Amino acid sequence: MLRRNLFGPIFCLLGAMILWASSFIALKLAFAAYNPMVVIFGRMITASICLIPFAGAFKRAPFRRQDIAVLGFMLVCEPCLYFLFEAAALKNTTASQAGMITAMLPLMVAITAGIYLKESITIKTVLGFLTAILGVCLLSMAAQSNDSAPNPVLGNFYEFLAMVFATGYTISLKRLSARYAPFFLTALQAFAGSIFFLPFLFLPTTALPVRFEAVPAFSIVYLGVFVTLGAYGLYNYAVSKVPASQASAFVNLIPVLTVIFGWIFLGERFTTVQYLASALVVVGVVMSQEINNRVTGE
């Protein structure tokens, strides 16, 4: 049975997963009208503007020089490289397939946490990881190209690379959350992302907006306020309270929610083979859950 002091973190994790699943839909809607670099910078600067009133509190945050390397690594992983690869992924594959790839994250975090954070890792976890990898490969091979997903195999590979950087982010976040407030770390991500993606606006390949599109523009604001601030704030708080492997296990909800949202808002569908491949991913994830059951005391 879950201890009462876990209710808060679990509630935060559930909220973060719903917001993150919806972000795949919002990104596809925004990319339909605006260049991906415009969208990513827009969400980062929107979040940063919302944080300006709290700038005074950030100045009083305790800071240690020995944490600079870990902080830098966390920020490079996410938002910088993570969003670069996720943007590339969603230009090439569907929101539903990209969401399914995120099921890999808990296994990747569990293995990495076992190596660097000394959290327990079992043979069952490794076998689950390999099974999920097989499912992801099958999902990609069965994917069909269309206007919304011109190169799903490449897009799914980019999403996998995004999960690699998300793993580095989660592990470094777990180390930093013992000394820094979740809100402070969320603010750092927003400000760092704004600075990192600003130069991309001046590249010849980046087409700047020439007219206002209501739905894509609202999607950018939604991504900045509710996803960048809301989801990351909730997740960062939860990671400060529970083991990294347990927190990342909630990412298993994202594929299911993304498929549902993709069906409702984008009209996306899976083929029979893709449903079977998705089931294989889920089986691999379930196989790995021994570690998460143990850390929650269930």
Foldseek 3Di string as FASTA:
>chain_A
DFDPVLPQLVVLLVLLLLLVLCLLVLLLQLVVAFPLLCLLLLLLVLLLVVCVVVVVVLVPADDDPVCPVLLVLLLCLPPNLLSVLLNVLQQAAHSLLLLLLLLLLLLLLLVVCCVPVVQDFDPLSVQLNVLLVQLNVLLQVQDDADNRHNRNNSSSVSSNVSSVSVSSNLVSLLVCLLRGQLQSSLSVNSVSSNVNSVVVCVDPVGDGDDDDDPSSVVSSSCCNPCNSRRSSSSLSNSSSPAPSSLSSLSSNVSSVSNVVCCCVPVVDDGDPSSVVSSVSNVVSSVSRCPSNCVRSVD
